[in-house]
C-alpha atoms as a PDB file:
ATOM      1  CA  MET A   1     116.342 102.913 135.520  1.00  0.00           C
ATOM      2  CA  LYS A   2     116.657 101.735 139.143  1.00  0.00           C
ATOM      3  CA  ILE A   3     116.814 105.291 140.259  1.00  0.00           C
ATOM      4  CA  LEU A   4     113.713 106.293 138.241  1.00  0.00           C
ATOM      5  CA  ASP A   5     112.127 103.282 139.212  1.00  0.00           C
ATOM      6  CA  LYS A   6     112.545 104.223 142.838  1.00  0.00           C
ATOM      7  CA  LEU A   7     111.348 107.521 142.288  1.00  0.00           C
ATOM      8  CA  ILE A   8     108.151 106.399 140.330  1.00  0.00           C
ATOM      9  CA  ILE A   9     107.357 104.299 142.896  1.00  0.00           C
ATOM     10  CA  LYS A  10     107.768 106.788 145.730  1.00  0.00           C
ATOM     11  CA  GLU A  11     105.871 109.587 144.396  1.00  0.00           C
ATOM     12  CA  PHE A  12     102.911 107.166 143.323  1.00  0.00           C
ATOM     13  CA  LEU A  13     102.429 105.844 146.718  1.00  0.00           C
ATOM     14  CA  LYS A  14     102.950 109.169 148.138  1.00  0.00           C
ATOM     15  CA  THR A  15     100.276 110.718 146.196  1.00  0.00           C
ATOM     16  CA  TYR A  16      97.844 107.637 146.559  1.00  0.00           C
ATOM     17  CA  PHE A  17      98.320 108.029 150.453  1.00  0.00           C
ATOM     18  CA  PHE A  18      97.446 111.824 150.224  1.00  0.00           C
ATOM     19  CA  VAL A  19      94.454 111.341 147.804  1.00  0.00           C
ATOM     20  CA  VAL A  20      93.554 108.745 150.177  1.00  0.00           C
ATOM     21  CA  VAL A  21      93.732 110.644 153.326  1.00  0.00           C
ATOM     22  CA  MET A  22      92.115 113.613 151.793  1.00  0.00           C
ATOM     23  CA  LEU A  23      89.071 111.747 150.387  1.00  0.00           C
ATOM     24  CA  ILE A  24      88.434 109.805 153.663  1.00  0.00           C
ATOM     25  CA  LEU A  25      88.654 113.211 155.743  1.00  0.00           C
ATOM     26  CA  ILE A  26      86.307 114.792 153.630  1.00  0.00           C
ATOM     27  CA  VAL A  27      83.795 111.813 153.642  1.00  0.00           C
ATOM     28  CA  LEU A  28      84.215 111.721 157.508  1.00  0.00           C
ATOM     29  CA  VAL A  29      83.514 115.239 157.781  1.00  0.00           C
ATOM     30  CA  LEU A  30      80.298 115.242 155.802  1.00  0.00           C
ATOM     31  CA  ASP A  31      78.994 112.004 157.783  1.00  0.00           C
ATOM     32  CA  PHE A  32      79.911 113.639 161.188  1.00  0.00           C
ATOM     33  CA  THR A  33      77.756 116.890 160.191  1.00  0.00           C
ATOM     34  CA  GLU A  34      74.841 114.546 159.183  1.00  0.00           C
ATOM     35  CA  LYS A  35      75.050 112.503 162.261  1.00  0.00           C
ATOM     36  CA  ASN A  36      75.931 115.461 164.808  1.00  0.00           C
ATOM     37  CA  ASP A  37      72.373 116.011 165.940  1.00  0.00           C
ATOM     38  CA  THR A  38      71.881 112.054 166.605  1.00  0.00           C
ATOM     39  CA  TYR A  39      74.983 111.801 168.501  1.00  0.00           C
ATOM     40  CA  ILE A  40      73.758 114.816 170.729  1.00  0.00           C
ATOM     41  CA  ARG A  41      70.257 113.551 171.223  1.00  0.00           C
ATOM     42  CA  ASN A  42      71.517 109.915 172.061  1.00  0.00           C
ATOM     43  CA  SER A  43      74.411 111.234 174.369  1.00  0.00           C
ATOM     44  CA  VAL A  44      77.211 109.299 172.297  1.00  0.00           C
ATOM     45  CA  PRO A  45      80.399 109.491 174.124  1.00  0.00           C
ATOM     46  CA  ALA A  46      83.284 111.004 172.288  1.00  0.00           C
ATOM     47  CA  GLY A  47      85.276 107.937 172.610  1.00  0.00           C
ATOM     48  CA  GLU A  48      82.693 105.724 170.522  1.00  0.00           C
ATOM     49  CA  ILE A  49      82.365 108.667 168.057  1.00  0.00           C
ATOM     50  CA  LEU A  50      86.055 108.427 167.334  1.00  0.00           C
ATOM     51  CA  ARG A  51      86.330 104.668 167.457  1.00  0.00           C
ATOM     52  CA  TYR A  52      83.313 104.652 165.136  1.00  0.00           C
ATOM     53  CA  MET A  53      85.164 107.355 162.624  1.00  0.00           C
ATOM     54  CA  GLY A  54      88.315 105.198 162.489  1.00  0.00           C
ATOM     55  CA  ASN A  55      86.418 101.989 161.434  1.00  0.00           C
ATOM     56  CA  TYR A  56      84.217 103.916 158.942  1.00  0.00           C
ATOM     57  CA  GLY A  57      87.705 105.365 157.556  1.00  0.00           C
ATOM     58  CA  LEU A  58      89.058 101.938 157.050  1.00  0.00           C
ATOM     59  CA  TYR A  59      85.698 101.111 155.153  1.00  0.00           C
ATOM     60  CA  LEU A  60      85.865 104.077 153.051  1.00  0.00           C
ATOM     61  CA  ASN A  61      89.740 103.349 152.249  1.00  0.00           C
ATOM     62  CA  ASN A  62      88.444  99.939 150.776  1.00  0.00           C
ATOM     63  CA  LEU A  63      85.842 101.213 148.974  1.00  0.00           C
ATOM     64  CA  LEU A  64      87.540 104.227 147.453  1.00  0.00           C
ATOM     65  CA  THR A  65      90.574 102.370 146.325  1.00  0.00           C
ATOM     66  CA  PRO A  66      89.577 102.372 142.470  1.00  0.00           C
ATOM     67  CA  ILE A  67      89.254 106.046 142.695  1.00  0.00           C
ATOM     68  CA  THR A  68      92.359 106.724 144.697  1.00  0.00           C
ATOM     69  CA  VAL A  69      94.855 104.518 142.648  1.00  0.00           C
ATOM     70  CA  PHE A  70      93.094 106.005 139.213  1.00  0.00           C
ATOM     71  CA  ILE A  71      93.701 109.356 140.477  1.00  0.00           C
ATOM     72  CA  ALA A  72      97.255 108.841 141.769  1.00  0.00           C
ATOM     73  CA  VAL A  73      98.484 107.313 138.643  1.00  0.00           C
ATOM     74  CA  ILE A  74      97.026 110.092 136.433  1.00  0.00           C
ATOM     75  CA  PHE A  75      98.476 112.654 138.263  1.00  0.00           C
ATOM     76  CA  ILE A  76     101.958 111.141 138.417  1.00  0.00           C
ATOM     77  CA  THR A  77     101.947 109.982 134.909  1.00  0.00           C
ATOM     78  CA  SER A  78     100.092 113.327 133.391  1.00  0.00           C
ATOM     79  CA  LYS A  79     102.722 115.247 135.638  1.00  0.00           C
ATOM     80  CA  MET A  80     105.626 113.435 133.679  1.00  0.00           C
ATOM     81  CA  ALA A  81     104.149 113.829 130.397  1.00  0.00           C
ATOM     82  CA  GLY A  82     103.804 117.544 131.049  1.00  0.00           C
ATOM     83  CA  ARG A  83     107.582 117.886 131.606  1.00  0.00           C
ATOM     84  CA  THR A  84     108.323 115.814 128.371  1.00  0.00           C
ATOM     85  CA  GLU A  85     109.774 113.018 131.060  1.00  0.00           C
ATOM     86  CA  ILE A  86     108.178 110.437 129.343  1.00  0.00           C
ATOM     87  CA  VAL A  87     109.111 111.368 125.721  1.00  0.00           C
ATOM     88  CA  ALA A  88     112.718 111.489 126.938  1.00  0.00           C
ATOM     89  CA  ILE A  89     112.388 107.986 128.692  1.00  0.00           C
ATOM     90  CA  LEU A  90     111.096 106.225 125.773  1.00  0.00           C
ATOM     91  CA  SER A  91     113.538 108.209 123.656  1.00  0.00           C
ATOM     92  CA  SER A  92     116.403 106.922 125.374  1.00  0.00           C
ATOM     93  CA  GLY A  93     115.510 103.316 124.302  1.00  0.00           C
ATOM     94  CA  VAL A  94     113.370 102.304 127.392  1.00  0.00           C
ATOM     95  CA  SER A  95     110.120 100.315 125.976  1.00  0.00           C
ATOM     96  CA  PHE A  96     106.627 101.433 127.430  1.00  0.00           C
ATOM     97  CA  VAL A  97     106.261  97.993 128.924  1.00  0.00           C
ATOM     98  CA  ARG A  98     109.500  98.729 130.907  1.00  0.00           C
ATOM     99  CA  MET A  99     108.466 102.087 132.036  1.00  0.00           C
ATOM    100  CA  LEU A 100     105.217 100.333 133.222  1.00  0.00           C
ATOM    101  CA  ARG A 101     107.076  98.203 135.701  1.00  0.00           C
ATOM    102  CA  PRO A 102     107.399 100.424 138.547  1.00  0.00           C
ATOM    103  CA  PHE A 103     103.661 101.810 138.397  1.00  0.00           C
ATOM    104  CA  LEU A 104     102.598  97.905 138.328  1.00  0.00           C
ATOM    105  CA  LEU A 105     105.003  97.103 141.296  1.00  0.00           C
ATOM    106  CA  GLY A 106     103.274 100.378 143.273  1.00  0.00           C
ATOM    107  CA  ALA A 107     100.121  98.729 142.344  1.00  0.00           C
ATOM    108  CA  ALA A 108     100.992  95.557 143.519  1.00  0.00           C
ATOM    109  CA  MET A 109     102.234  96.792 146.703  1.00  0.00           C
ATOM    110  CA  ILE A 110      98.519  98.629 147.106  1.00  0.00           C
ATOM    111  CA  GLY A 111      96.900  95.452 146.193  1.00  0.00           C
ATOM    112  CA  ALA A 112      98.637  93.344 148.674  1.00  0.00           C
ATOM    113  CA  VAL A 113      97.996  95.669 151.601  1.00  0.00           C
ATOM    114  CA  SER A 114      94.148  95.739 150.035  1.00  0.00           C
ATOM    115  CA  PHE A 115      94.012  91.978 150.446  1.00  0.00           C
ATOM    116  CA  LEU A 116      95.598  92.172 154.033  1.00  0.00           C
ATOM    117  CA  MET A 117      92.892  94.773 154.847  1.00  0.00           C
ATOM    118  CA  ASN A 118      90.030  92.903 153.257  1.00  0.00           C
ATOM    119  CA  GLY A 119      90.815  89.601 154.629  1.00  0.00           C
ATOM    120  CA  TRP A 120      91.669  90.369 158.121  1.00  0.00           C
ATOM    121  CA  ILE A 121      91.582  94.200 159.341  1.00  0.00           C
ATOM    122  CA  LEU A 122      88.137  95.340 157.396  1.00  0.00           C
ATOM    123  CA  PRO A 123      85.841  92.801 158.892  1.00  0.00           C
ATOM    124  CA  GLY A 124      86.602  93.883 162.227  1.00  0.00           C
ATOM    125  CA  ALA A 125      86.239  97.565 161.243  1.00  0.00           C
ATOM    126  CA  THR A 126      82.893  96.703 159.658  1.00  0.00           C
ATOM    127  CA  ALA A 127      81.816  95.021 162.735  1.00  0.00           C
ATOM    128  CA  GLY A 128      82.435  97.810 164.796  1.00  0.00           C
ATOM    129  CA  VAL A 129      80.440 100.227 162.472  1.00  0.00           C
ATOM    130  CA  SER A 130      77.581  97.698 162.646  1.00  0.00           C
ATOM    131  CA  ARG A 131      77.606  97.664 166.684  1.00  0.00           C
ATOM    132  CA  PHE A 132      77.734 101.320 166.588  1.00  0.00           C
ATOM    133  CA  LYS A 133      74.760 101.599 164.652  1.00  0.00           C
ATOM    134  CA  ILE A 134      72.721  99.433 166.665  1.00  0.00           C
ATOM    135  CA  ALA A 135      73.972 101.060 169.802  1.00  0.00           C
ATOM    136  CA  TYR A 136      73.788 104.621 169.134  1.00  0.00           C
ATOM    137  CA  LEU A 137      72.049 105.456 165.676  1.00  0.00           C
ATOM    138  CA  ASP A 138      69.231 102.616 165.761  1.00  0.00           C
ATOM    139  CA  LYS A 139      67.923 103.223 169.233  1.00  0.00           C
ATOM    140  CA  GLY A 140      64.615 102.127 169.570  1.00  0.00           C
ATOM    141  CA  ARG A 141      64.600  99.057 167.518  1.00  0.00           C
ATOM    142  CA  ALA A 142      62.519  96.122 168.417  1.00  0.00           C
ATOM    143  CA  SER A 143      64.314  93.891 171.018  1.00  0.00           C
ATOM    144  CA  SER A 144      63.106  90.684 169.113  1.00  0.00           C
ATOM    145  CA  ASP A 145      62.915  89.231 165.697  1.00  0.00           C
ATOM    146  CA  PRO A 146      59.664  88.400 164.071  1.00  0.00           C
ATOM    147  CA  ASN A 147      58.865  85.508 161.763  1.00  0.00           C
ATOM    148  CA  ILE A 148      62.045  83.927 161.538  1.00  0.00           C
ATOM    149  CA  HIS A 149      62.652  81.185 159.053  1.00  0.00           C
ATOM    150  CA  ILE A 150      66.184  79.042 158.988  1.00  0.00           C
ATOM    151  CA  LYS A 151      66.997  76.239 156.887  1.00  0.00           C
ATOM    152  CA  VAL A 152      68.882  73.831 159.220  1.00  0.00           C
ATOM    153  CA  GLY A 153      69.647  71.029 156.730  1.00  0.00           C
ATOM    154  CA  PRO A 154      69.274  70.104 153.185  1.00  0.00           C
ATOM    155  CA  ASP A 155      65.390  68.916 154.160  1.00  0.00           C
ATOM    156  CA  SER A 156      64.647  70.457 157.537  1.00  0.00           C
ATOM    157  CA  TYR A 157      63.188  73.992 158.157  1.00  0.00           C
ATOM    158  CA  ALA A 158      62.972  75.888 161.432  1.00  0.00           C
ATOM    159  CA  PHE A 159      60.437  78.595 162.300  1.00  0.00           C
ATOM    160  CA  LEU A 160      59.735  80.788 165.042  1.00  0.00           C
ATOM    161  CA  THR A 161      57.128  83.488 165.367  1.00  0.00           C
ATOM    162  CA  ARG A 162      58.918  85.368 167.566  1.00  0.00           C
ATOM    163  CA  TYR A 163      62.647  85.311 169.246  1.00  0.00           C
ATOM    164  CA  PHE A 164      64.281  87.175 172.097  1.00  0.00           C
ATOM    165  CA  LYS A 165      67.960  87.580 172.190  1.00  0.00           C
ATOM    166  CA  ALA A 166      68.190  88.759 175.581  1.00  0.00           C
ATOM    167  CA  ASN A 167      67.199  85.471 177.217  1.00  0.00           C
ATOM    168  CA  ASN A 168      67.730  83.119 173.847  1.00  0.00           C
ATOM    169  CA  THR A 169      63.974  82.178 174.126  1.00  0.00           C
ATOM    170  CA  GLY A 170      61.561  81.746 171.030  1.00  0.00           C
ATOM    171  CA  TYR A 171      58.156  81.108 170.716  1.00  0.00           C
ATOM    172  CA  TYR A 172      55.726  78.974 168.789  1.00  0.00           C
ATOM    173  CA  PHE A 173      58.441  76.957 167.216  1.00  0.00           C
ATOM    174  CA  THR A 174      57.963  74.558 164.459  1.00  0.00           C
ATOM    175  CA  LEU A 175      60.747  72.232 162.422  1.00  0.00           C
ATOM    176  CA  GLU A 176      59.533  70.427 159.339  1.00  0.00           C
ATOM    177  CA  GLU A 177      61.164  67.839 157.536  1.00  0.00           C
ATOM    178  CA  ILE A 178      60.055  68.206 153.793  1.00  0.00           C
ATOM    179  CA  LYS A 179      61.524  66.272 150.970  1.00  0.00           C
ATOM    180  CA  ASP A 180      60.492  66.264 147.303  1.00  0.00           C
ATOM    181  CA  GLY A 181      57.702  68.765 148.241  1.00  0.00           C
ATOM    182  CA  GLU A 182      56.056  66.321 150.680  1.00  0.00           C
ATOM    183  CA  LEU A 183      55.914  66.686 154.589  1.00  0.00           C
ATOM    184  CA  LEU A 184      57.480  63.847 156.297  1.00  0.00           C
ATOM    185  CA  ALA A 185      57.802  65.099 159.971  1.00  0.00           C
ATOM    186  CA  LYS A 186      56.826  68.127 162.256  1.00  0.00           C
ATOM    187  CA  LEU A 187      57.811  69.063 165.501  1.00  0.00           C
ATOM    188  CA  SER A 188      56.166  72.004 167.072  1.00  0.00           C
ATOM    189  CA  ALA A 189      56.356  73.846 170.492  1.00  0.00           C
ATOM    190  CA  ASP A 190      54.908  76.582 172.319  1.00  0.00           C
ATOM    191  CA  ARG A 191      58.629  77.557 173.613  1.00  0.00           C
ATOM    192  CA  ILE A 192      61.766  77.109 172.866  1.00  0.00           C
ATOM    193  CA  GLN A 193      65.058  78.235 174.980  1.00  0.00           C
ATOM    194  CA  TRP A 194      68.879  77.627 174.955  1.00  0.00           C
ATOM    195  CA  ASP A 195      70.118  75.690 177.940  1.00  0.00           C
ATOM    196  CA  THR A 196      73.513  77.145 178.536  1.00  0.00           C
ATOM    197  CA  ALA A 197      74.633  74.521 181.051  1.00  0.00           C
ATOM    198  CA  LYS A 198      73.978  71.327 178.399  1.00  0.00           C
ATOM    199  CA  ASN A 199      74.192  73.341 175.111  1.00  0.00           C
ATOM    200  CA  VAL A 200      70.828  72.107 173.986  1.00  0.00           C
ATOM    201  CA  TRP A 201      67.683  73.080 173.335  1.00  0.00           C
ATOM    202  CA  ARG A 202      64.851  72.782 175.613  1.00  0.00           C
ATOM    203  CA  LEU A 203      61.304  72.512 173.910  1.00  0.00           C
ATOM    204  CA  GLU A 204      57.980  73.022 176.250  1.00  0.00           C
ATOM    205  CA  ASN A 205      54.652  71.682 175.381  1.00  0.00           C
ATOM    206  CA  TRP A 206      56.123  70.111 172.233  1.00  0.00           C
ATOM    207  CA  LYS A 207      54.194  67.803 169.621  1.00  0.00           C
ATOM    208  CA  LEU A 208      55.774  65.591 166.966  1.00  0.00           C
ATOM    209  CA  ARG A 209      53.904  64.294 163.971  1.00  0.00           C
ATOM    210  CA  LYS A 210      55.613  61.404 161.810  1.00  0.00           C
ATOM    211  CA  LEU A 211      53.761  61.057 158.575  1.00  0.00           C
ATOM    212  CA  GLN A 212      54.038  57.388 157.305  1.00  0.00           C
ATOM    213  CA  GLU A 213      52.362  55.674 154.381  1.00  0.00           C
ATOM    214  CA  ARG A 214      49.127  54.408 156.636  1.00  0.00           C
ATOM    215  CA  GLY A 215      48.227  57.171 158.912  1.00  0.00           C
ATOM    216  CA  GLU A 216      50.713  59.164 161.094  1.00  0.00           C
ATOM    217  CA  ASP A 217      52.522  58.736 164.441  1.00  0.00           C
ATOM    218  CA  TYR A 218      51.673  61.457 167.049  1.00  0.00           C
ATOM    219  CA  THR A 219      53.784  61.969 170.227  1.00  0.00           C
ATOM    220  CA  VAL A 220      53.175  64.819 172.770  1.00  0.00           C
ATOM    221  CA  GLY A 221      55.369  65.974 175.778  1.00  0.00           C
ATOM    222  CA  LYS A 222      55.765  68.691 178.370  1.00  0.00           C
ATOM    223  CA  GLU A 223      59.727  69.241 177.996  1.00  0.00           C
ATOM    224  CA  LEU A 224      62.087  67.937 175.481  1.00  0.00           C
ATOM    225  CA  ASP A 225      65.810  68.517 175.173  1.00  0.00           C
ATOM    226  CA  THR A 226      67.100  68.413 171.430  1.00  0.00           C
ATOM    227  CA  VAL A 227      70.279  69.014 169.855  1.00  0.00           C
ATOM    228  CA  LEU A 228      69.617  71.410 166.457  1.00  0.00           C
ATOM    229  CA  SER A 229      72.375  72.510 164.015  1.00  0.00           C
ATOM    230  CA  ILE A 230      71.584  76.186 165.143  1.00  0.00           C
ATOM    231  CA  SER A 231      72.800  78.108 167.961  1.00  0.00           C
ATOM    232  CA  PRO A 232      71.926  81.384 169.532  1.00  0.00           C
ATOM    233  CA  GLU A 233      74.488  82.810 167.673  1.00  0.00           C
ATOM    234  CA  ASP A 234      72.596  82.151 164.450  1.00  0.00           C
ATOM    235  CA  PHE A 235      69.817  84.751 165.822  1.00  0.00           C
ATOM    236  CA  ASN A 236      72.255  87.419 166.510  1.00  0.00           C
ATOM    237  CA  LEU A 237      73.931  87.645 162.834  1.00  0.00           C
ATOM    238  CA  PRO A 238      73.765  90.988 161.293  1.00  0.00           C
ATOM    239  CA  GLU A 239      72.501  91.759 157.872  1.00  0.00           C
ATOM    240  CA  ASN A 240      75.809  92.285 156.607  1.00  0.00           C
ATOM    241  CA  HIS A 241      77.408  89.032 158.585  1.00  0.00           C
ATOM    242  CA  HIS A 242      79.401  87.950 155.845  1.00  0.00           C
ATOM    243  CA  GLU A 243      81.294  91.314 155.630  1.00  0.00           C
ATOM    244  CA  THR A 244      82.304  91.081 159.172  1.00  0.00           C
ATOM    245  CA  LEU A 245      84.043  87.809 159.164  1.00  0.00           C
ATOM    246  CA  LYS A 246      87.568  87.209 158.355  1.00  0.00           C
ATOM    247  CA  LEU A 247      89.006  85.458 155.159  1.00  0.00           C
ATOM    248  CA  PRO A 248      89.512  82.025 157.450  1.00  0.00           C
ATOM    249  CA  GLU A 249      86.221  82.510 159.380  1.00  0.00           C
ATOM    250  CA  LEU A 250      84.575  83.181 155.979  1.00  0.00           C
ATOM    251  CA  SER A 251      85.543  79.952 154.547  1.00  0.00           C
ATOM    252  CA  ARG A 252      84.635  78.102 157.777  1.00  0.00           C
ATOM    253  CA  GLN A 253      80.946  79.658 157.605  1.00  0.00           C
ATOM    254  CA  ILE A 254      80.684  78.637 154.010  1.00  0.00           C
ATOM    255  CA  LYS A 255      81.441  75.120 154.864  1.00  0.00           C
ATOM    256  CA  VAL A 256      78.445  75.305 157.850  1.00  0.00           C
ATOM    257  CA  LEU A 257      76.120  76.532 155.529  1.00  0.00           C
ATOM    258  CA  GLU A 258      76.686  73.979 152.787  1.00  0.00           C
ATOM    259  CA  GLU A 259      76.333  71.420 155.108  1.00  0.00           C
ATOM    260  CA  ARG A 260      72.960  72.802 156.367  1.00  0.00           C
ATOM    261  CA  GLY A 261      71.830  73.697 152.623  1.00  0.00           C
ATOM    262  CA  ALA A 262      71.410  77.122 153.805  1.00  0.00           C
ATOM    263  CA  ASP A 263      69.949  79.395 150.949  1.00  0.00           C
ATOM    264  CA  ASN A 264      72.089  82.377 152.137  1.00  0.00           C
ATOM    265  CA  VAL A 265      75.566  80.634 151.250  1.00  0.00           C
ATOM    266  CA  ASN A 266      75.702  82.479 148.039  1.00  0.00           C
ATOM    267  CA  PHE A 267      76.178  85.583 149.849  1.00  0.00           C
ATOM    268  CA  TYR A 268      79.234  84.320 151.524  1.00  0.00           C
ATOM    269  CA  ARG A 269      80.647  82.671 148.401  1.00  0.00           C
ATOM    270  CA  ILE A 270      80.329  85.973 146.492  1.00  0.00           C
ATOM    271  CA  GLU A 271      82.160  87.624 149.376  1.00  0.00           C
ATOM    272  CA  ARG A 272      84.916  85.549 149.181  1.00  0.00           C
ATOM    273  CA  TYR A 273      85.118  85.731 145.480  1.00  0.00           C
ATOM    274  CA  VAL A 274      85.090  89.824 145.770  1.00  0.00           C
ATOM    275  CA  ARG A 275      87.885  89.556 148.604  1.00  0.00           C
ATOM    276  CA  LEU A 276      90.404  87.479 146.201  1.00  0.00           C
ATOM    277  CA  MET A 277      89.295  89.810 143.098  1.00  0.00           C
ATOM    278  CA  SER A 278      89.872  93.122 144.595  1.00  0.00           C
ATOM    279  CA  PRO A 279      93.422  93.447 144.674  1.00  0.00           C
ATOM    280  CA  PHE A 280      93.490  93.098 141.033  1.00  0.00           C
ATOM    281  CA  ALA A 281      91.645  96.139 140.598  1.00  0.00           C
ATOM    282  CA  ALA A 282      94.592  98.149 141.512  1.00  0.00           C
ATOM    283  CA  LEU A 283      96.897  96.638 138.680  1.00  0.00           C
ATOM    284  CA  ILE A 284      94.038  96.952 135.932  1.00  0.00           C
ATOM    285  CA  LEU A 285      93.364 100.661 136.726  1.00  0.00           C
ATOM    286  CA  THR A 286      96.935 101.518 136.974  1.00  0.00           C
ATOM    287  CA  PHE A 287      97.752  99.742 133.619  1.00  0.00           C
ATOM    288  CA  ILE A 288      94.678 101.888 132.262  1.00  0.00           C
ATOM    289  CA  GLY A 289      95.848 105.002 134.252  1.00  0.00           C
ATOM    290  CA  VAL A 290      99.352 105.189 132.642  1.00  0.00           C
ATOM    291  CA  ILE A 291      97.964 104.484 129.142  1.00  0.00           C
ATOM    292  CA  MET A 292      95.506 107.296 129.320  1.00  0.00           C
ATOM    293  CA  SER A 293      97.688 110.205 130.712  1.00  0.00           C
ATOM    294  CA  ALA A 294     101.066 109.123 128.806  1.00  0.00           C
ATOM    295  CA  ARG A 295     100.666 111.406 125.908  1.00  0.00           C
ATOM    296  CA  LYS A 296     101.243 115.288 126.797  1.00  0.00           C
ATOM    297  CA  THR A 297      98.171 117.583 126.086  1.00  0.00           C
ATOM    298  CA  ARG A 298      97.870 121.370 125.687  1.00  0.00           C
ATOM    299  CA  GLY A 299      95.243 121.747 128.486  1.00  0.00           C
ATOM    300  CA  GLY A 300      97.304 120.133 131.180  1.00  0.00           C
ATOM    301  CA  SER A 301      96.497 117.339 133.598  1.00  0.00           C
ATOM    302  CA  GLY A 302      92.765 118.526 134.374  1.00  0.00           C
ATOM    303  CA  PHE A 303      91.091 116.628 131.582  1.00  0.00           C
ATOM    304  CA  GLN A 304      93.018 113.274 132.301  1.00  0.00           C
ATOM    305  CA  ILE A 305      92.023 113.499 136.317  1.00  0.00           C
ATOM    306  CA  ALA A 306      88.189 114.281 135.255  1.00  0.00           C
ATOM    307  CA  MET A 307      88.451 111.065 133.042  1.00  0.00           C
ATOM    308  CA  GLY A 308      90.133 109.231 135.846  1.00  0.00           C
ATOM    309  CA  PHE A 309      87.163 110.173 138.104  1.00  0.00           C
ATOM    310  CA  LEU A 310      84.712 109.501 135.463  1.00  0.00           C
ATOM    311  CA  LEU A 311      86.296 105.829 134.729  1.00  0.00           C
ATOM    312  CA  ALA A 312      86.818 105.064 138.437  1.00  0.00           C
ATOM    313  CA  PHE A 313      83.233 105.743 139.223  1.00  0.00           C
ATOM    314  CA  VAL A 314      82.195 103.671 136.168  1.00  0.00           C
ATOM    315  CA  TYR A 315      84.034 100.677 137.688  1.00  0.00           C
ATOM    316  CA  ILE A 316      82.703 100.993 141.111  1.00  0.00           C
ATOM    317  CA  LEU A 317      79.211 101.524 139.443  1.00  0.00           C
ATOM    318  CA  LEU A 318      79.710  98.195 137.407  1.00  0.00           C
ATOM    319  CA  PHE A 319      81.207  96.450 140.331  1.00  0.00           C
ATOM    320  CA  ILE A 320      78.150  97.101 142.367  1.00  0.00           C
ATOM    321  CA  LEU A 321      75.836  96.139 139.549  1.00  0.00           C
ATOM    322  CA  SER A 322      77.658  92.630 138.976  1.00  0.00           C
ATOM    323  CA  ARG A 323      77.855  91.919 142.906  1.00  0.00           C
ATOM    324  CA  THR A 324      74.045  92.595 143.016  1.00  0.00           C
ATOM    325  CA  PHE A 325      73.648  90.181 139.707  1.00  0.00           C
ATOM    326  CA  ALA A 326      75.755  87.743 141.573  1.00  0.00           C
ATOM    327  CA  GLU A 327      73.878  87.880 144.732  1.00  0.00           C
ATOM    328  CA  ASN A 328      70.325  87.676 143.018  1.00  0.00           C
ATOM    329  CA  GLY A 329      71.462  84.008 141.942  1.00  0.00           C
ATOM    330  CA  THR A 330      72.743  84.347 138.565  1.00  0.00           C
ATOM    331  CA  GLN A 331      74.076  80.820 137.178  1.00  0.00           C
ATOM    332  CA  TYR A 332      77.961  81.940 137.051  1.00  0.00           C
ATOM    333  CA  PRO A 333      78.399  84.258 140.375  1.00  0.00           C
ATOM    334  CA  ILE A 334      81.982  84.134 140.073  1.00  0.00           C
ATOM    335  CA  LEU A 335      81.935  85.439 136.424  1.00  0.00           C
ATOM    336  CA  ALA A 336      79.675  88.418 137.507  1.00  0.00           C
ATOM    337  CA  VAL A 337      82.002  89.236 140.372  1.00  0.00           C
ATOM    338  CA  TRP A 338      84.976  89.422 137.863  1.00  0.00           C
ATOM    339  CA  LEU A 339      83.095  91.186 135.075  1.00  0.00           C
ATOM    340  CA  PRO A 340      84.451  94.662 135.999  1.00  0.00           C
ATOM    341  CA  ASN A 341      88.102  93.222 136.018  1.00  0.00           C
ATOM    342  CA  ILE A 342      87.720  91.475 132.980  1.00  0.00           C
ATOM    343  CA  LEU A 343      85.889  94.493 130.862  1.00  0.00           C
ATOM    344  CA  PHE A 344      88.373  97.054 131.913  1.00  0.00           C
ATOM    345  CA  ALA A 345      91.414  94.657 131.074  1.00  0.00           C
ATOM    346  CA  LEU A 346      90.165  94.441 127.782  1.00  0.00           C
ATOM    347  CA  THR A 347      89.769  98.170 127.462  1.00  0.00           C
ATOM    348  CA  GLY A 348      93.205  98.693 128.572  1.00  0.00           C
ATOM    349  CA  LEU A 349      94.496  96.371 125.884  1.00  0.00           C
ATOM    350  CA  VAL A 350      92.829  98.189 123.353  1.00  0.00           C
ATOM    351  CA  LEU A 351      93.990 101.620 124.714  1.00  0.00           C
ATOM    352  CA  TYR A 352      97.565 100.176 125.084  1.00  0.00           C
ATOM    353  CA  LYS A 353      97.491 100.524 121.023  1.00  0.00           C
ATOM    354  CA  THR A 354      97.116 104.273 121.266  1.00  0.00           C
ATOM    355  CA  VAL A 355     100.225 104.679 123.464  1.00  0.00           C
ATOM    356  CA  PRO A 356     103.472 106.826 122.540  1.00  0.00           C
ATOM    357  CA  ARG A 357     106.044 104.380 121.060  1.00  0.00           C
END
């Protein structure tokens, strides 16, 4: 079986690579055609376009992994079944589980590469795509952020009417300490600016109110240097910041947000769950793909490939829905993230009863 194992793994990986390249090229061509007028209008350099397409191609590779793995498995297995090779293998005394071994080994290789890409390579590519869109596709966007709310601690909330990233300056700043629905203290300032020399925030025309059991303590001043658990980098975060962090950086960011008691920490946790879950999808879909296409059919492999596309799209749709539910505050986010793998694994076990013996 060792020779056959090597042959199956080689054909599996070769077909997978071919399918990945073809699908990515098709999507990139369509994307370039759609954005070509924008490239010309904004005078985007050719080198930046090529860099963007390379980063976007890496992003597509991760997104299309369920489809490409499924198609590659079904194509190889159905071709073997059509040539009666699977019947010969099983008739020689080899069990179906033993025949699955090279397919699962190939899927494990793909899953390992997917894990490395998700954890360390893809975040940089995603950040590159975001920077390109901001620089060339979203020109004319406001240079400042309005009405910013940040939770800087378990009971502390900061608010700025407007923040300008160019000079790290905010206007009409307030910092409130609220516990059990009761306001304990409020610090406000007309202007707040980051002091790069001291690494502190400088408040101008500030007012501090501390509410006490009897009355309040009211203090005002012209300038005040203070340390907050936020920095200018917190105002430059893209919407998909959790997708642009490498796995170690993601874990550190989760720890920082947990210490602050930030409300958006759940997005970062879910991103880590997804990265740890994704590699197992290749194994599960490979298992189902071999089972679906191991039986020889008169119509050839066309029907199996069509079913492969359908099930792969169902998996992606289910993954998107489950991630949305997890991000919207479900009680068990890790279970929601793993739901597609759990359902497809159970489906594979049910289908296993129908395989040829």
